[in-house]
Protein backbone atom coordinates (compact mmCIF):
# COMPACT_ATOMS: atom_id res chain seq x y z
CA UNK A 1 -13.26 14.78 -8.38
CA UNK A 2 -10.77 14.89 -11.31
CA UNK A 3 -8.06 17.38 -10.75
CA UNK A 4 -8.52 19.83 -13.72
CA UNK A 5 -4.89 21.07 -13.38
CA UNK A 6 -3.33 17.96 -13.84
CA UNK A 7 -3.10 15.21 -16.32
CA UNK A 8 -3.99 11.74 -15.13
CA UNK A 9 -0.41 10.19 -15.42
CA UNK A 10 0.97 7.52 -13.12
CA UNK A 11 4.67 7.30 -13.01
CA UNK A 12 7.26 8.26 -10.33
CA UNK A 13 8.29 11.52 -12.61
CA UNK A 14 4.63 13.04 -12.79
CA UNK A 15 3.98 12.30 -9.08
CA UNK A 16 7.26 14.10 -8.08
CA UNK A 17 6.37 16.87 -10.53
CA UNK A 18 2.85 17.54 -8.83
CA UNK A 19 3.92 16.96 -5.30
CA UNK A 20 4.56 20.79 -4.39
CA UNK A 21 1.16 21.72 -5.92
CA UNK A 22 -0.79 19.10 -4.11
CA UNK A 23 0.96 19.48 -0.70
CA UNK A 24 -1.13 22.23 0.74
CA UNK A 25 -4.33 20.69 -0.13
CA UNK A 26 -3.10 17.37 1.81
CA UNK A 27 -1.88 19.19 4.75
CA UNK A 28 -5.22 20.78 5.25
CA UNK A 29 -7.05 17.61 4.73
CA UNK A 30 -5.07 15.62 7.40
CA UNK A 31 -4.27 18.40 9.96
CA UNK A 32 -7.12 17.09 12.34
CA UNK A 33 -6.01 13.63 12.06
CA UNK A 34 -4.77 12.29 15.29
CA UNK A 35 -1.39 10.45 15.29
CA UNK A 36 -1.20 7.15 17.38
CA UNK A 37 2.09 5.89 18.69
CA UNK A 38 2.95 2.49 18.69
CA UNK A 39 1.06 1.34 15.54
CA UNK A 40 3.06 1.29 12.45
CA UNK A 41 0.35 1.68 9.51
CA UNK A 42 0.63 3.88 6.76
CA UNK A 43 1.56 7.31 8.01
CA UNK A 44 1.22 10.85 6.40
CA UNK A 45 4.17 10.57 4.13
CA UNK A 46 3.02 7.27 2.63
CA UNK A 47 -0.47 8.68 2.39
CA UNK A 48 0.74 11.66 0.52
CA UNK A 49 2.49 9.53 -2.13
CA UNK A 50 -0.98 7.70 -2.68
CA UNK A 51 -2.76 11.08 -2.62
CA UNK A 52 -0.32 12.55 -5.08
CA UNK A 53 -0.54 9.63 -7.39
CA UNK A 54 -4.45 9.19 -7.33
CA UNK A 55 -5.64 12.72 -7.05
CA UNK A 56 -5.71 13.31 -10.88
CA UNK A 57 -7.91 10.43 -11.49
CA UNK A 58 -10.56 11.53 -9.40
CA UNK A 59 -11.78 8.09 -8.14
CA UNK A 60 -15.37 7.74 -7.07
CA UNK A 61 -14.47 4.83 -4.97
CA UNK A 62 -11.30 3.87 -3.22
CA UNK A 63 -10.76 0.31 -1.85
CA UNK A 64 -8.65 -0.09 1.38
CA UNK A 65 -7.57 -3.60 2.40
CA UNK A 66 -6.16 -3.56 5.98
CA UNK A 67 -7.48 -0.85 8.48
CA UNK A 68 -6.31 -1.78 11.94
CA UNK A 69 -7.14 1.31 14.09
CA UNK A 70 -8.26 3.28 11.08
CA UNK A 71 -5.75 6.04 10.88
CA UNK A 72 -5.15 5.55 7.12
CA UNK A 73 -8.81 5.28 6.56
CA UNK A 74 -9.38 8.39 8.24
CA UNK A 75 -6.92 10.19 6.10
CA UNK A 76 -8.53 8.65 2.89
CA UNK A 77 -12.03 9.82 3.98
CA UNK A 78 -10.61 13.44 4.48
CA UNK A 79 -8.20 13.52 1.46
CA UNK A 80 -11.12 12.20 -0.92
CA UNK A 81 -14.21 13.50 0.76
CA UNK A 82 -16.45 12.97 -2.60
CA UNK A 83 -15.12 9.31 -2.79
CA UNK A 84 -16.70 6.25 -1.11
CA UNK A 85 -14.11 4.78 0.96
CA UNK A 86 -14.76 0.95 1.36
CA UNK A 87 -12.30 -0.39 4.12
CA UNK A 88 -11.90 -4.11 4.74
CA UNK A 89 -10.31 -5.42 7.77
CA UNK A 90 -9.74 -9.10 8.50
CA UNK A 91 -8.47 -8.70 12.16
CA UNK A 92 -11.53 -8.86 14.37
CA UNK A 93 -9.89 -7.47 17.63
CA UNK A 94 -12.63 -5.65 19.46
CA UNK A 95 -10.28 -2.96 20.82
CA UNK A 96 -8.85 -1.91 17.32
CA UNK A 97 -12.18 -2.15 15.61
CA UNK A 98 -13.90 0.07 18.38
CA UNK A 99 -11.18 2.75 18.03
CA UNK A 100 -11.29 2.58 14.17
CA UNK A 101 -15.22 2.73 14.31
CA UNK A 102 -15.11 5.66 16.69
CA UNK A 103 -12.80 7.67 14.44
CA UNK A 104 -14.71 7.09 11.31
CA UNK A 105 -18.37 7.27 12.50
CA UNK A 106 -18.78 11.06 11.68
CA UNK A 107 -17.70 10.47 8.11
CA UNK A 108 -20.56 9.38 5.92
CA UNK A 109 -18.22 8.45 3.17
CA UNK A 110 -16.51 5.49 4.82
CA UNK A 111 -17.85 2.01 4.71
CA UNK A 112 -16.13 -0.30 7.26
CA UNK A 113 -16.22 -4.06 6.54
CA UNK A 114 -14.91 -7.17 8.24
CA UNK A 115 -13.56 -10.30 6.53
CA UNK A 116 -11.15 -11.46 3.77
CA UNK A 117 -10.43 -8.72 1.30
CA UNK A 118 -9.62 -11.37 -1.19
CA UNK A 119 -13.13 -12.34 -1.27
CA UNK A 120 -14.90 -9.03 -0.69
CA UNK A 121 -12.96 -6.72 -2.94
CA UNK A 122 -13.19 -8.40 -6.29
CA UNK A 123 -17.03 -8.18 -5.67
CA UNK A 124 -16.87 -4.41 -4.84
CA UNK A 125 -14.37 -3.09 -7.32
CA UNK A 126 -15.76 -0.60 -9.88
CA UNK A 127 -14.42 1.19 -12.95
CA UNK A 128 -11.92 3.85 -11.99
CA UNK A 129 -11.34 2.64 -8.40
CA UNK A 130 -8.00 3.02 -6.78
CA UNK A 131 -6.89 0.33 -4.51
CA UNK A 132 -4.72 0.55 -1.21
CA UNK A 133 -3.46 -2.96 -0.02
CA UNK A 134 -1.87 -2.95 3.58
CA UNK A 135 -2.61 -6.59 4.28
CA UNK A 136 -2.37 -9.28 3.12
CA UNK A 137 1.34 -8.84 2.37
CA UNK A 138 3.88 -9.73 -0.20
CA UNK A 139 2.85 -12.52 -2.57
CA UNK A 140 -0.67 -12.75 -1.23
CA UNK A 141 -1.10 -9.01 -1.70
CA UNK A 142 0.37 -9.47 -5.21
CA UNK A 143 -2.45 -12.28 -5.91
CA UNK A 144 -4.97 -10.03 -4.70
CA UNK A 145 -3.84 -6.86 -6.94
CA UNK A 146 -3.51 -9.25 -9.95
CA UNK A 147 -7.16 -10.48 -9.46
CA UNK A 148 -8.49 -6.92 -9.11
CA UNK A 149 -6.38 -5.58 -12.00
CA UNK A 150 -7.53 -8.48 -14.25
CA UNK A 151 -11.10 -7.13 -14.15
CA UNK A 152 -9.87 -3.97 -16.11
CA UNK A 153 -11.48 -1.85 -13.62
CA UNK A 154 -8.91 -0.15 -11.19
CA UNK A 155 -7.03 2.94 -12.20
CA UNK A 156 -4.16 1.64 -10.08
CA UNK A 157 -3.24 -0.77 -7.10
CA UNK A 158 -0.88 0.23 -4.37
CA UNK A 159 0.61 -2.46 -2.12
CA UNK A 160 2.31 -1.11 1.11
CA UNK A 161 5.70 -2.50 2.78
CA UNK A 162 7.25 -3.47 -0.42
CA UNK A 163 10.93 -3.48 0.60
CA UNK A 164 14.02 -3.79 -1.46
CA UNK A 165 15.41 -7.34 -1.52
CA UNK A 166 12.23 -9.08 -0.59
CA UNK A 167 11.29 -12.04 -2.88
CA UNK A 168 7.90 -10.29 -3.72
CA UNK A 169 9.53 -7.12 -4.72
CA UNK A 170 12.23 -8.89 -6.74
CA UNK A 171 9.41 -10.61 -8.68
CA UNK A 172 7.82 -7.36 -9.55
CA UNK A 173 11.07 -5.73 -10.67
CA UNK A 174 11.56 -8.61 -12.94
CA UNK A 175 8.15 -9.51 -14.23
CA UNK A 176 6.05 -6.28 -14.15
CA UNK A 177 7.43 -3.47 -16.16
CA UNK A 178 5.49 -0.22 -15.68
CA UNK A 179 5.33 -0.88 -11.91
CA UNK A 180 7.31 1.56 -9.87
CA UNK A 181 8.21 2.16 -6.40
CA UNK A 182 7.80 5.17 -3.86
CA UNK A 183 11.50 4.75 -3.01
CA UNK A 184 12.45 5.38 -6.59
CA UNK A 185 15.67 7.33 -6.10
CA UNK A 186 14.28 10.79 -7.58
CA UNK A 187 10.88 10.33 -6.04
CA UNK A 188 12.27 9.39 -2.62
CA UNK A 189 14.64 12.35 -2.66
CA UNK A 190 11.72 14.76 -3.43
CA UNK A 191 9.59 13.23 -0.79
CA UNK A 192 12.57 13.31 1.76
CA UNK A 193 12.91 17.14 0.97
CA UNK A 194 9.13 17.58 1.80
CA UNK A 195 9.20 15.04 4.71
CA UNK A 196 8.86 17.74 7.61
CA UNK A 197 6.16 19.67 5.74
CA UNK A 198 4.16 16.42 5.30
CA UNK A 199 4.51 15.27 8.78
CA UNK A 200 5.98 17.28 11.60
CA UNK A 201 7.20 14.03 13.29
CA UNK A 202 8.87 12.85 10.18
CA UNK A 203 12.11 11.18 11.07
CA UNK A 204 14.17 10.83 7.48
CA UNK A 205 16.20 7.90 9.08
CA UNK A 206 13.30 5.72 10.46
CA UNK A 207 12.49 2.60 8.53
CA UNK A 208 8.94 3.27 9.05
CA UNK A 209 9.08 6.84 7.52
CA UNK A 210 10.46 5.29 4.20
CA UNK A 211 8.03 2.20 4.22
CA UNK A 212 7.61 1.88 0.50
CA UNK A 213 4.80 1.32 -1.91
CA UNK A 214 4.61 -0.28 -5.25
CA UNK A 215 2.37 1.07 -7.63
CA UNK A 216 0.88 -1.32 -10.20
CA UNK A 217 -0.69 0.48 -13.30
CA UNK A 218 -3.83 -0.86 -14.81
CA UNK A 219 -2.51 -2.81 -17.96
CA UNK A 220 -1.13 -6.16 -17.10
CA UNK A 221 2.29 -6.98 -18.58
CA UNK A 222 1.28 -10.60 -19.24
CA UNK A 223 -1.95 -12.64 -19.28
CA UNK A 224 -3.70 -13.26 -15.73
CA UNK A 225 -3.01 -17.18 -16.00
CA UNK A 226 0.72 -16.52 -16.68
CA UNK A 227 1.12 -13.99 -14.22
CA UNK A 228 -0.64 -16.03 -11.61
CA UNK A 229 1.46 -18.95 -12.29
CA UNK A 230 4.62 -17.07 -11.99
CA UNK A 231 3.46 -15.52 -8.57
CA UNK A 232 2.68 -19.04 -7.33
CA UNK A 233 5.78 -20.45 -8.40
CA UNK A 234 8.03 -17.63 -7.17
CA UNK A 235 6.23 -17.82 -3.74
CA UNK A 236 6.74 -21.53 -3.52
CA UNK A 237 10.46 -21.18 -4.48
CA UNK A 238 10.81 -18.44 -1.85
CA UNK A 239 9.18 -20.71 0.96
CA UNK A 240 11.54 -23.62 -0.04
CA UNK A 241 14.52 -21.51 0.11
CA UNK A 242 13.68 -19.82 3.32
CA UNK A 243 13.11 -23.27 4.91
CA UNK A 244 16.52 -24.65 3.70
CA UNK A 245 18.32 -21.71 5.11
CA UNK A 246 16.55 -22.03 8.36
CA UNK A 247 17.41 -25.65 8.35
CA UNK A 248 20.93 -25.21 7.65
CA UNK A 249 21.25 -22.45 10.17
CA UNK A 250 19.71 -24.69 12.99
CA UNK A 251 22.00 -27.63 11.84
CA UNK A 252 25.11 -25.34 11.98
CA UNK A 253 24.20 -23.96 15.47
CA UNK A 254 23.81 -27.50 16.70
CA UNK A 255 27.30 -28.50 15.37
CA UNK A 256 28.80 -25.43 16.98
CA UNK A 257 27.09 -26.35 20.37
CA UNK A 258 28.38 -30.08 20.09
CA UNK A 259 31.86 -29.08 19.34
CA UNK A 260 31.80 -26.60 22.38
CA UNK A 261 30.35 -29.23 24.71
């Protein structure tokens, strides 16, 4: 359902501005969601960022890539009860699958699929959908996001675990004007203030507590072929540089051992 009290604007300032008003609804929605220790998926703080960003758009369907044990999927079903939650998981681990399916069995708005989201989601995307990608990661996630956005259908695509300094993030910062990050200084400070209200277990110094999202708005900054070529090229350069660095480090370690022997 589209939020009648808020304009559907998508930037860090608008999300920070509506956070206080939306927090009570979010807390009520997730209060019965059990927390699992030892699994570092999307926690309540990250989900609140997604909720505050997407709620004004009232999506009828939300696509999720990466489900693991279903904690994020469960939060989505409760936060957006009138939306269809289509969740795709690549890992067929029977233990994780059974736990996720048991959690989500009571929720008629959840559809749990298994397979490659890069093949499934482009077939399922509809106009106005919000998309949440928590696997694949980095450049592979960017390629999936680009393919979905090129359809002109999503209201936005969000990618989890987009840390500062990573090659894929540097690419977005350089080539994707209009994209923004949940660790934007003003937004991160606001969410840090609300952290204990969003999640009673919130640790502001934990890396996981601040695991950032990138939000890619619906309008592409360049043509699909141009962006795809840039992503492929940047990924190839990143892999090459990484291999060279590893080779030099191994070679250096070998020389040090030889000199000590």
